[in-house]
Amino acid sequence: MGEYKKRKSYTGRVVSDKMNKTVVLTVTRKISHPRYNKIVKRTTRFKAHDEKNECKIGDLVRFIETRPLSKDKRWIVLEILEKSRTARLDESAGASRGAEKP
């Protein structure tokens, strides 16, 4: 991973996986409003490349900056940090169905 150290990296949540080999990620950060000094959430959306179509909605992933891959896509998914609850339930249901077959 030595070559990735100089690139920007973020951790975000998958909000859409409907495109082929592309996921939409959100990164939420908290800032202080300049006038009212209230903590406000700001959300930024990124399109990232998912080569194996592994990411599902709700997954927590780490992604890094790369060369432009398309008009909007300049990030690649590096790793899945946490699977979503629904993805884990689907995997366990699939495993139990597979065990029932002779």
PDB file of N, CA and C in Angstrom:
ATOM      1  N   MET A   1       0.811  -1.200   0.000  1.00  0.00           N
ATOM      2  CA  MET A   1       0.000   0.000   0.000  1.00  0.00           C
ATOM      3  C   MET A   1       0.853   1.261   0.000  1.00  0.00           C
ATOM      4  N   GLY A   2       2.143   1.152  -0.244  1.00  0.00           N
ATOM      5  CA  GLY A   2       3.009   2.302  -0.213  1.00  0.00           C
ATOM      6  C   GLY A   2       2.653   3.348  -1.252  1.00  0.00           C
ATOM      7  N   GLU A   3       2.165   2.922  -2.402  1.00  0.00           N
ATOM      8  CA  GLU A   3       1.849   3.869  -3.463  1.00  0.00           C
ATOM      9  C   GLU A   3       0.592   4.672  -3.168  1.00  0.00           C
ATOM     10  N   TYR A   4      -0.251   4.236  -2.226  1.00  0.00           N
ATOM     11  CA  TYR A   4      -1.498   4.919  -1.933  1.00  0.00           C
ATOM     12  C   TYR A   4      -1.352   5.997  -0.861  1.00  0.00           C
ATOM     13  N   LYS A   5      -0.199   6.121  -0.215  1.00  0.00           N
ATOM     14  CA  LYS A   5      -0.060   7.034   0.912  1.00  0.00           C
ATOM     15  C   LYS A   5      -0.244   8.497   0.522  1.00  0.00           C
ATOM     16  N   LYS A   6       0.166   8.890  -0.672  1.00  0.00           N
ATOM     17  CA  LYS A   6       0.114  10.290  -1.064  1.00  0.00           C
ATOM     18  C   LYS A   6      -1.252  10.714  -1.581  1.00  0.00           C
ATOM     19  N   ARG A   7      -2.134   9.748  -1.826  1.00  0.00           N
ATOM     20  CA  ARG A   7      -3.450  10.064  -2.365  1.00  0.00           C
ATOM     21  C   ARG A   7      -4.436  10.360  -1.244  1.00  0.00           C
ATOM     22  N   LYS A   8      -5.437  11.169  -1.557  1.00  0.00           N
ATOM     23  CA  LYS A   8      -6.502  11.425  -0.593  1.00  0.00           C
ATOM     24  C   LYS A   8      -7.308  10.153  -0.397  1.00  0.00           C
ATOM     25  N   SER A   9      -7.710   9.896   0.832  1.00  0.00           N
ATOM     26  CA  SER A   9      -8.580   8.750   1.081  1.00  0.00           C
ATOM     27  C   SER A   9      -9.658   9.167   2.064  1.00  0.00           C
ATOM     28  N   TYR A  10     -10.835   8.629   1.872  1.00  0.00           N
ATOM     29  CA  TYR A  10     -11.977   8.915   2.729  1.00  0.00           C
ATOM     30  C   TYR A  10     -12.664   7.616   3.099  1.00  0.00           C
ATOM     31  N   THR A  11     -13.470   7.691   4.136  1.00  0.00           N
ATOM     32  CA  THR A  11     -14.330   6.585   4.530  1.00  0.00           C
ATOM     33  C   THR A  11     -15.756   7.047   4.334  1.00  0.00           C
ATOM     34  N   GLY A  12     -16.559   6.246   3.638  1.00  0.00           N
ATOM     35  CA  GLY A  12     -17.929   6.656   3.351  1.00  0.00           C
ATOM     36  C   GLY A  12     -18.882   5.485   3.303  1.00  0.00           C
ATOM     37  N   ARG A  13     -20.154   5.816   3.208  1.00  0.00           N
ATOM     38  CA  ARG A  13     -21.222   4.825   3.191  1.00  0.00           C
ATOM     39  C   ARG A  13     -21.788   4.743   1.784  1.00  0.00           C
ATOM     40  N   VAL A  14     -22.071   3.531   1.309  1.00  0.00           N
ATOM     41  CA  VAL A  14     -22.638   3.320  -0.028  1.00  0.00           C
ATOM     42  C   VAL A  14     -24.123   3.661   0.015  1.00  0.00           C
ATOM     43  N   VAL A  15     -24.565   4.555  -0.886  1.00  0.00           N
ATOM     44  CA  VAL A  15     -25.983   4.919  -0.954  1.00  0.00           C
ATOM     45  C   VAL A  15     -26.645   4.430  -2.235  1.00  0.00           C
ATOM     46  N   SER A  16     -25.848   4.038  -3.237  1.00  0.00           N
ATOM     47  CA  SER A  16     -26.421   3.504  -4.468  1.00  0.00           C
ATOM     48  C   SER A  16     -25.419   2.561  -5.120  1.00  0.00           C
ATOM     49  N   ASP A  17     -25.928   1.420  -5.606  1.00  0.00           N
ATOM     50  CA  ASP A  17     -25.079   0.473  -6.329  1.00  0.00           C
ATOM     51  C   ASP A  17     -25.744   0.028  -7.632  1.00  0.00           C
ATOM     52  N   LYS A  18     -26.591   0.867  -8.198  1.00  0.00           N
ATOM     53  CA  LYS A  18     -27.379   0.502  -9.372  1.00  0.00           C
ATOM     54  C   LYS A  18     -26.575   0.512 -10.672  1.00  0.00           C
ATOM     55  N   MET A  19     -25.443   1.215 -10.708  1.00  0.00           N
ATOM     56  CA  MET A  19     -24.631   1.266 -11.922  1.00  0.00           C
ATOM     57  C   MET A  19     -23.647   0.104 -11.947  1.00  0.00           C
ATOM     58  N   ASN A  20     -23.242  -0.287 -13.127  1.00  0.00           N
ATOM     59  CA  ASN A  20     -22.289  -1.381 -13.268  1.00  0.00           C
ATOM     60  C   ASN A  20     -20.886  -0.892 -12.918  1.00  0.00           C
ATOM     61  N   LYS A  21     -20.247  -1.533 -11.949  1.00  0.00           N
ATOM     62  CA  LYS A  21     -18.887  -1.231 -11.492  1.00  0.00           C
ATOM     63  C   LYS A  21     -18.740   0.181 -10.945  1.00  0.00           C
ATOM     64  N   THR A  22     -19.826   0.786 -10.508  1.00  0.00           N
ATOM     65  CA  THR A  22     -19.792   2.121  -9.921  1.00  0.00           C
ATOM     66  C   THR A  22     -20.717   2.159  -8.722  1.00  0.00           C
ATOM     67  N   VAL A  23     -20.259   2.811  -7.648  1.00  0.00           N
ATOM     68  CA  VAL A  23     -21.102   3.019  -6.471  1.00  0.00           C
ATOM     69  C   VAL A  23     -21.092   4.501  -6.129  1.00  0.00           C
ATOM     70  N   VAL A  24     -22.190   4.958  -5.527  1.00  0.00           N
ATOM     71  CA  VAL A  24     -22.268   6.332  -5.051  1.00  0.00           C
ATOM     72  C   VAL A  24     -22.074   6.283  -3.544  1.00  0.00           C
ATOM     73  N   LEU A  25     -21.124   7.090  -3.058  1.00  0.00           N
ATOM     74  CA  LEU A  25     -20.762   7.095  -1.647  1.00  0.00           C
ATOM     75  C   LEU A  25     -21.047   8.459  -1.045  1.00  0.00           C
ATOM     76  N   THR A  26     -21.381   8.482   0.241  1.00  0.00           N
ATOM     77  CA  THR A  26     -21.540   9.752   0.942  1.00  0.00           C
ATOM     78  C   THR A  26     -20.534   9.822   2.076  1.00  0.00           C
ATOM     79  N   VAL A  27     -19.974  11.009   2.251  1.00  0.00           N
ATOM     80  CA  VAL A  27     -19.082  11.292   3.365  1.00  0.00           C
ATOM     81  C   VAL A  27     -19.720  12.432   4.142  1.00  0.00           C
ATOM     82  N   THR A  28     -19.985  12.196   5.419  1.00  0.00           N
ATOM     83  CA  THR A  28     -20.613  13.206   6.264  1.00  0.00           C
ATOM     84  C   THR A  28     -19.554  13.790   7.190  1.00  0.00           C
ATOM     85  N   ARG A  29     -19.509  15.116   7.256  1.00  0.00           N
ATOM     86  CA  ARG A  29     -18.582  15.785   8.157  1.00  0.00           C
ATOM     87  C   ARG A  29     -19.347  16.826   8.955  1.00  0.00           C
ATOM     88  N   LYS A  30     -18.827  17.203  10.098  1.00  0.00           N
ATOM     89  CA  LYS A  30     -19.476  18.200  10.944  1.00  0.00           C
ATOM     90  C   LYS A  30     -18.619  19.454  10.951  1.00  0.00           C
ATOM     91  N   ILE A  31     -19.271  20.593  10.715  1.00  0.00           N
ATOM     92  CA  ILE A  31     -18.565  21.870  10.736  1.00  0.00           C
ATOM     93  C   ILE A  31     -19.298  22.824  11.663  1.00  0.00           C
ATOM     94  N   SER A  32     -18.603  23.847  12.081  1.00  0.00           N
ATOM     95  CA  SER A  32     -19.210  24.884  12.897  1.00  0.00           C
ATOM     96  C   SER A  32     -19.680  26.004  11.975  1.00  0.00           C
ATOM     97  N   HIS A  33     -20.942  26.391  12.103  1.00  0.00           N
ATOM     98  CA  HIS A  33     -21.469  27.469  11.273  1.00  0.00           C
ATOM     99  C   HIS A  33     -20.744  28.761  11.639  1.00  0.00           C
ATOM    100  N   PRO A  34     -20.279  29.529  10.639  1.00  0.00           N
ATOM    101  CA  PRO A  34     -19.462  30.707  10.941  1.00  0.00           C
ATOM    102  C   PRO A  34     -20.182  31.789  11.747  1.00  0.00           C
ATOM    103  N   ARG A  35     -21.471  31.967  11.517  1.00  0.00           N
ATOM    104  CA  ARG A  35     -22.177  33.024  12.227  1.00  0.00           C
ATOM    105  C   ARG A  35     -22.835  32.525  13.508  1.00  0.00           C
ATOM    106  N   TYR A  36     -23.488  31.380  13.439  1.00  0.00           N
ATOM    107  CA  TYR A  36     -24.297  30.919  14.565  1.00  0.00           C
ATOM    108  C   TYR A  36     -23.573  29.935  15.478  1.00  0.00           C
ATOM    109  N   ASN A  37     -22.377  29.502  15.091  1.00  0.00           N
ATOM    110  CA  ASN A  37     -21.554  28.599  15.899  1.00  0.00           C
ATOM    111  C   ASN A  37     -22.271  27.315  16.292  1.00  0.00           C
ATOM    112  N   LYS A  38     -23.193  26.886  15.465  1.00  0.00           N
ATOM    113  CA  LYS A  38     -23.877  25.623  15.688  1.00  0.00           C
ATOM    114  C   LYS A  38     -23.188  24.557  14.843  1.00  0.00           C
ATOM    115  N   ILE A  39     -23.083  23.352  15.365  1.00  0.00           N
ATOM    116  CA  ILE A  39     -22.490  22.254  14.615  1.00  0.00           C
ATOM    117  C   ILE A  39     -23.506  21.775  13.578  1.00  0.00           C
ATOM    118  N   VAL A  40     -23.094  21.778  12.306  1.00  0.00           N
ATOM    119  CA  VAL A  40     -23.972  21.429  11.198  1.00  0.00           C
ATOM    120  C   VAL A  40     -23.342  20.271  10.421  1.00  0.00           C
ATOM    121  N   LYS A  41     -24.177  19.317   9.985  1.00  0.00           N
ATOM    122  CA  LYS A  41     -23.687  18.207   9.166  1.00  0.00           C
ATOM    123  C   LYS A  41     -23.673  18.615   7.699  1.00  0.00           C
ATOM    124  N   ARG A  42     -22.593  18.289   7.026  1.00  0.00           N
ATOM    125  CA  ARG A  42     -22.477  18.494   5.584  1.00  0.00           C
ATOM    126  C   ARG A  42     -22.191  17.137   4.951  1.00  0.00           C
ATOM    127  N   THR A  43     -22.884  16.840   3.864  1.00  0.00           N
ATOM    128  CA  THR A  43     -22.727  15.559   3.191  1.00  0.00           C
ATOM    129  C   THR A  43     -22.232  15.788   1.772  1.00  0.00           C
ATOM    130  N   THR A  44     -21.201  15.047   1.383  1.00  0.00           N
ATOM    131  CA  THR A  44     -20.652  15.110   0.039  1.00  0.00           C
ATOM    132  C   THR A  44     -20.818  13.744  -0.614  1.00  0.00           C
ATOM    133  N   ARG A  45     -21.219  13.742  -1.885  1.00  0.00           N
ATOM    134  CA  ARG A  45     -21.421  12.485  -2.617  1.00  0.00           C
ATOM    135  C   ARG A  45     -20.284  12.292  -3.617  1.00  0.00           C
ATOM    136  N   PHE A  46     -19.770  11.079  -3.682  1.00  0.00           N
ATOM    137  CA  PHE A  46     -18.708  10.716  -4.610  1.00  0.00           C
ATOM    138  C   PHE A  46     -19.144   9.500  -5.411  1.00  0.00           C
ATOM    139  N   LYS A  47     -18.711   9.432  -6.675  1.00  0.00           N
ATOM    140  CA  LYS A  47     -18.877   8.213  -7.463  1.00  0.00           C
ATOM    141  C   LYS A  47     -17.525   7.515  -7.480  1.00  0.00           C
ATOM    142  N   ALA A  48     -17.536   6.225  -7.135  1.00  0.00           N
ATOM    143  CA  ALA A  48     -16.292   5.470  -7.049  1.00  0.00           C
ATOM    144  C   ALA A  48     -16.391   4.188  -7.862  1.00  0.00           C
ATOM    145  N   HIS A  49     -15.242   3.735  -8.337  1.00  0.00           N
ATOM    146  CA  HIS A  49     -15.162   2.519  -9.150  1.00  0.00           C
ATOM    147  C   HIS A  49     -15.099   1.298  -8.240  1.00  0.00           C
ATOM    148  N   ASP A  50     -15.973   0.336  -8.489  1.00  0.00           N
ATOM    149  CA  ASP A  50     -16.024  -0.926  -7.744  1.00  0.00           C
ATOM    150  C   ASP A  50     -15.862  -2.047  -8.763  1.00  0.00           C
ATOM    151  N   GLU A  51     -14.634  -2.485  -8.985  1.00  0.00           N
ATOM    152  CA  GLU A  51     -14.309  -3.410 -10.074  1.00  0.00           C
ATOM    153  C   GLU A  51     -15.087  -4.718 -10.015  1.00  0.00           C
ATOM    154  N   LYS A  52     -15.271  -5.278  -8.826  1.00  0.00           N
ATOM    155  CA  LYS A  52     -15.904  -6.593  -8.707  1.00  0.00           C
ATOM    156  C   LYS A  52     -17.383  -6.524  -8.337  1.00  0.00           C
ATOM    157  N   ASN A  53     -17.955  -5.345  -8.299  1.00  0.00           N
ATOM    158  CA  ASN A  53     -19.358  -5.154  -7.896  1.00  0.00           C
ATOM    159  C   ASN A  53     -19.645  -5.803  -6.542  1.00  0.00           C
ATOM    160  N   GLU A  54     -18.736  -5.623  -5.579  1.00  0.00           N
ATOM    161  CA  GLU A  54     -18.876  -6.225  -4.252  1.00  0.00           C
ATOM    162  C   GLU A  54     -19.705  -5.379  -3.304  1.00  0.00           C
ATOM    163  N   CYS A  55     -19.702  -4.072  -3.482  1.00  0.00           N
ATOM    164  CA  CYS A  55     -20.352  -3.162  -2.536  1.00  0.00           C
ATOM    165  C   CYS A  55     -21.865  -3.219  -2.665  1.00  0.00           C
ATOM    166  N   LYS A  56     -22.533  -3.181  -1.530  1.00  0.00           N
ATOM    167  CA  LYS A  56     -23.991  -3.135  -1.469  1.00  0.00           C
ATOM    168  C   LYS A  56     -24.395  -1.888  -0.691  1.00  0.00           C
ATOM    169  N   ILE A  57     -25.655  -1.496  -0.821  1.00  0.00           N
ATOM    170  CA  ILE A  57     -26.151  -0.305  -0.131  1.00  0.00           C
ATOM    171  C   ILE A  57     -25.987  -0.488   1.372  1.00  0.00           C
ATOM    172  N   GLY A  58     -25.412   0.519   2.021  1.00  0.00           N
ATOM    173  CA  GLY A  58     -25.224   0.485   3.467  1.00  0.00           C
ATOM    174  C   GLY A  58     -23.829   0.083   3.905  1.00  0.00           C
ATOM    175  N   ASP A  59     -23.001  -0.424   2.994  1.00  0.00           N
ATOM    176  CA  ASP A  59     -21.639  -0.830   3.355  1.00  0.00           C
ATOM    177  C   ASP A  59     -20.792   0.392   3.685  1.00  0.00           C
ATOM    178  N   LEU A  60     -19.881   0.221   4.628  1.00  0.00           N
ATOM    179  CA  LEU A  60     -18.905   1.247   4.971  1.00  0.00           C
ATOM    180  C   LEU A  60     -17.615   0.891   4.250  1.00  0.00           C
ATOM    181  N   VAL A  61     -17.095   1.809   3.417  1.00  0.00           N
ATOM    182  CA  VAL A  61     -15.930   1.504   2.589  1.00  0.00           C
ATOM    183  C   VAL A  61     -14.877   2.598   2.703  1.00  0.00           C
ATOM    184  N   ARG A  62     -13.628   2.231   2.396  1.00  0.00           N
ATOM    185  CA  ARG A  62     -12.542   3.199   2.273  1.00  0.00           C
ATOM    186  C   ARG A  62     -12.253   3.335   0.790  1.00  0.00           C
ATOM    187  N   PHE A  63     -12.150   4.578   0.305  1.00  0.00           N
ATOM    188  CA  PHE A  63     -11.884   4.805  -1.113  1.00  0.00           C
ATOM    189  C   PHE A  63     -10.824   5.877  -1.265  1.00  0.00           C
ATOM    190  N   ILE A  64     -10.075   5.794  -2.390  1.00  0.00           N
ATOM    191  CA  ILE A  64      -8.951   6.691  -2.611  1.00  0.00           C
ATOM    192  C   ILE A  64      -9.080   7.392  -3.957  1.00  0.00           C
ATOM    193  N   GLU A  65      -8.346   8.481  -4.061  1.00  0.00           N
ATOM    194  CA  GLU A  65      -8.334   9.282  -5.279  1.00  0.00           C
ATOM    195  C   GLU A  65      -7.506   8.582  -6.356  1.00  0.00           C
ATOM    196  N   THR A  66      -7.918   8.742  -7.604  1.00  0.00           N
ATOM    197  CA  THR A  66      -7.191   8.163  -8.732  1.00  0.00           C
ATOM    198  C   THR A  66      -7.365   9.071  -9.950  1.00  0.00           C
ATOM    199  N   ARG A  67      -6.862   8.637 -11.070  1.00  0.00           N
ATOM    200  CA  ARG A  67      -7.022   9.416 -12.301  1.00  0.00           C
ATOM    201  C   ARG A  67      -8.494   9.424 -12.704  1.00  0.00           C
ATOM    202  N   PRO A  68      -8.918  10.388 -13.515  1.00  0.00           N
ATOM    203  CA  PRO A  68     -10.313  10.402 -13.954  1.00  0.00           C
ATOM    204  C   PRO A  68     -10.660   9.149 -14.758  1.00  0.00           C
ATOM    205  N   LEU A  69     -11.708   8.456 -14.326  1.00  0.00           N
ATOM    206  CA  LEU A  69     -12.165   7.250 -15.011  1.00  0.00           C
ATOM    207  C   LEU A  69     -13.354   7.538 -15.915  1.00  0.00           C
ATOM    208  N   SER A  70     -14.099   8.593 -15.620  1.00  0.00           N
ATOM    209  CA  SER A  70     -15.219   9.030 -16.451  1.00  0.00           C
ATOM    210  C   SER A  70     -15.477  10.494 -16.118  1.00  0.00           C
ATOM    211  N   LYS A  71     -16.592  11.015 -16.575  1.00  0.00           N
ATOM    212  CA  LYS A  71     -16.909  12.420 -16.344  1.00  0.00           C
ATOM    213  C   LYS A  71     -16.956  12.755 -14.854  1.00  0.00           C
ATOM    214  N   ASP A  72     -17.557  11.887 -14.047  1.00  0.00           N
ATOM    215  CA  ASP A  72     -17.745  12.164 -12.624  1.00  0.00           C
ATOM    216  C   ASP A  72     -16.929  11.262 -11.702  1.00  0.00           C
ATOM    217  N   LYS A  73     -16.327  10.217 -12.221  1.00  0.00           N
ATOM    218  CA  LYS A  73     -15.713   9.186 -11.373  1.00  0.00           C
ATOM    219  C   LYS A  73     -14.205   9.379 -11.292  1.00  0.00           C
ATOM    220  N   ARG A  74     -13.713   9.713 -10.071  1.00  0.00           N
ATOM    221  CA  ARG A  74     -12.291   9.923  -9.844  1.00  0.00           C
ATOM    222  C   ARG A  74     -11.798   9.212  -8.585  1.00  0.00           C
ATOM    223  N   TRP A  75     -12.524   8.212  -8.144  1.00  0.00           N
ATOM    224  CA  TRP A  75     -12.224   7.495  -6.909  1.00  0.00           C
ATOM    225  C   TRP A  75     -12.359   5.997  -7.155  1.00  0.00           C
ATOM    226  N   ILE A  76     -11.604   5.189  -6.409  1.00  0.00           N
ATOM    227  CA  ILE A  76     -11.753   3.737  -6.470  1.00  0.00           C
ATOM    228  C   ILE A  76     -11.939   3.199  -5.053  1.00  0.00           C
ATOM    229  N   VAL A  77     -12.764   2.171  -4.938  1.00  0.00           N
ATOM    230  CA  VAL A  77     -13.000   1.540  -3.641  1.00  0.00           C
ATOM    231  C   VAL A  77     -11.785   0.691  -3.312  1.00  0.00           C
ATOM    232  N   LEU A  78     -11.184   0.951  -2.158  1.00  0.00           N
ATOM    233  CA  LEU A  78      -9.997   0.223  -1.740  1.00  0.00           C
ATOM    234  C   LEU A  78     -10.365  -1.019  -0.944  1.00  0.00           C
ATOM    235  N   GLU A  79     -11.287  -0.867   0.017  1.00  0.00           N
ATOM    236  CA  GLU A  79     -11.689  -2.013   0.830  1.00  0.00           C
ATOM    237  C   GLU A  79     -13.049  -1.762   1.452  1.00  0.00           C
ATOM    238  N   ILE A  80     -13.728  -2.849   1.773  1.00  0.00           N
ATOM    239  CA  ILE A  80     -15.000  -2.771   2.490  1.00  0.00           C
ATOM    240  C   ILE A  80     -14.686  -2.958   3.964  1.00  0.00           C
ATOM    241  N   LEU A  81     -14.969  -1.937   4.761  1.00  0.00           N
ATOM    242  CA  LEU A  81     -14.660  -1.989   6.188  1.00  0.00           C
ATOM    243  C   LEU A  81     -15.742  -2.710   6.980  1.00  0.00           C
ATOM    244  N   GLU A  82     -16.997  -2.504   6.577  1.00  0.00           N
ATOM    245  CA  GLU A  82     -18.113  -3.096   7.317  1.00  0.00           C
ATOM    246  C   GLU A  82     -19.251  -3.372   6.350  1.00  0.00           C
ATOM    247  N   LYS A  83     -19.748  -4.588   6.366  1.00  0.00           N
ATOM    248  CA  LYS A  83     -20.892  -4.943   5.532  1.00  0.00           C
ATOM    249  C   LYS A  83     -22.167  -4.405   6.173  1.00  0.00           C
ATOM    250  N   SER A  84     -23.153  -4.086   5.344  1.00  0.00           N
ATOM    251  CA  SER A  84     -24.431  -3.623   5.875  1.00  0.00           C
ATOM    252  C   SER A  84     -25.174  -4.787   6.503  1.00  0.00           C
ATOM    253  N   ARG A  85     -26.115  -4.477   7.351  1.00  0.00           N
ATOM    254  CA  ARG A  85     -26.879  -5.517   8.042  1.00  0.00           C
ATOM    255  C   ARG A  85     -27.661  -6.364   7.043  1.00  0.00           C
ATOM    256  N   THR A  86     -28.269  -5.738   6.041  1.00  0.00           N
ATOM    257  CA  THR A  86     -29.064  -6.491   5.068  1.00  0.00           C
ATOM    258  C   THR A  86     -28.184  -7.413   4.240  1.00  0.00           C
ATOM    259  N   ALA A  87     -26.971  -6.976   3.911  1.00  0.00           N
ATOM    260  CA  ALA A  87     -26.062  -7.826   3.138  1.00  0.00           C
ATOM    261  C   ALA A  87     -25.662  -9.046   3.959  1.00  0.00           C
ATOM    262  N   ARG A  88     -25.430  -8.848   5.263  1.00  0.00           N
ATOM    263  CA  ARG A  88     -25.068  -9.983   6.117  1.00  0.00           C
ATOM    264  C   ARG A  88     -26.228 -10.954   6.252  1.00  0.00           C
ATOM    265  N   LEU A  89     -27.462 -10.441   6.341  1.00  0.00           N
ATOM    266  CA  LEU A  89     -28.623 -11.315   6.451  1.00  0.00           C
ATOM    267  C   LEU A  89     -28.826 -12.113   5.168  1.00  0.00           C
ATOM    268  N   ASP A  90     -28.609 -11.471   4.015  1.00  0.00           N
ATOM    269  CA  ASP A  90     -28.741 -12.170   2.736  1.00  0.00           C
ATOM    270  C   ASP A  90     -27.715 -13.293   2.609  1.00  0.00           C
ATOM    271  N   GLU A  91     -26.473 -13.032   3.045  1.00  0.00           N
ATOM    272  CA  GLU A  91     -25.433 -14.053   2.966  1.00  0.00           C
ATOM    273  C   GLU A  91     -25.754 -15.239   3.868  1.00  0.00           C
ATOM    274  N   SER A  92     -26.233 -14.955   5.081  1.00  0.00           N
ATOM    275  CA  SER A  92     -26.541 -16.050   6.003  1.00  0.00           C
ATOM    276  C   SER A  92     -27.747 -16.851   5.511  1.00  0.00           C
ATOM    277  N   ALA A  93     -28.725 -16.191   4.908  1.00  0.00           N
ATOM    278  CA  ALA A  93     -29.888 -16.895   4.369  1.00  0.00           C
ATOM    279  C   ALA A  93     -29.473 -17.763   3.186  1.00  0.00           C
ATOM    280  N   GLY A  94     -28.581 -17.259   2.351  1.00  0.00           N
ATOM    281  CA  GLY A  94     -28.099 -18.033   1.211  1.00  0.00           C
ATOM    282  C   GLY A  94     -27.301 -19.242   1.657  1.00  0.00           C
ATOM    283  N   ALA A  95     -26.526 -19.095   2.720  1.00  0.00           N
ATOM    284  CA  ALA A  95     -25.737 -20.217   3.232  1.00  0.00           C
ATOM    285  C   ALA A  95     -26.640 -21.288   3.822  1.00  0.00           C
ATOM    286  N   SER A  96     -27.703 -20.863   4.511  1.00  0.00           N
ATOM    287  CA  SER A  96     -28.606 -21.853   5.108  1.00  0.00           C
ATOM    288  C   SER A  96     -29.415 -22.571   4.023  1.00  0.00           C
ATOM    289  N   ARG A  97     -29.776 -21.865   2.954  1.00  0.00           N
ATOM    290  CA  ARG A  97     -30.492 -22.509   1.852  1.00  0.00           C
ATOM    291  C   ARG A  97     -29.602 -23.519   1.140  1.00  0.00           C
ATOM    292  N   GLY A  98     -28.337 -23.185   0.996  1.00  0.00           N
ATOM    293  CA  GLY A  98     -27.404 -24.088   0.336  1.00  0.00           C
ATOM    294  C   GLY A  98     -27.161 -25.347   1.147  1.00  0.00           C
ATOM    295  N   ALA A  99     -27.249 -25.253   2.478  1.00  0.00           N
ATOM    296  CA  ALA A  99     -27.022 -26.413   3.336  1.00  0.00           C
ATOM    297  C   ALA A  99     -28.189 -27.391   3.269  1.00  0.00           C
ATOM    298  N   GLU A 100     -29.388 -26.895   2.959  1.00  0.00           N
ATOM    299  CA  GLU A 100     -30.568 -27.752   2.927  1.00  0.00           C
ATOM    300  C   GLU A 100     -30.596 -28.659   1.702  1.00  0.00           C
ATOM    301  N   LYS A 101     -29.982 -28.239   0.615  1.00  0.00           N
ATOM    302  CA  LYS A 101     -30.016 -29.036  -0.614  1.00  0.00           C
ATOM    303  C   LYS A 101     -29.128 -30.270  -0.467  1.00  0.00           C
ATOM    304  N   PRO A 102     -29.570 -31.424  -0.976  1.00  0.00           N
ATOM    305  CA  PRO A 102     -28.755 -32.645  -0.857  1.00  0.00           C
ATOM    306  C   PRO A 102     -27.577 -32.650  -1.802  1.00  0.00           C
TER     307      PRO A 102
END
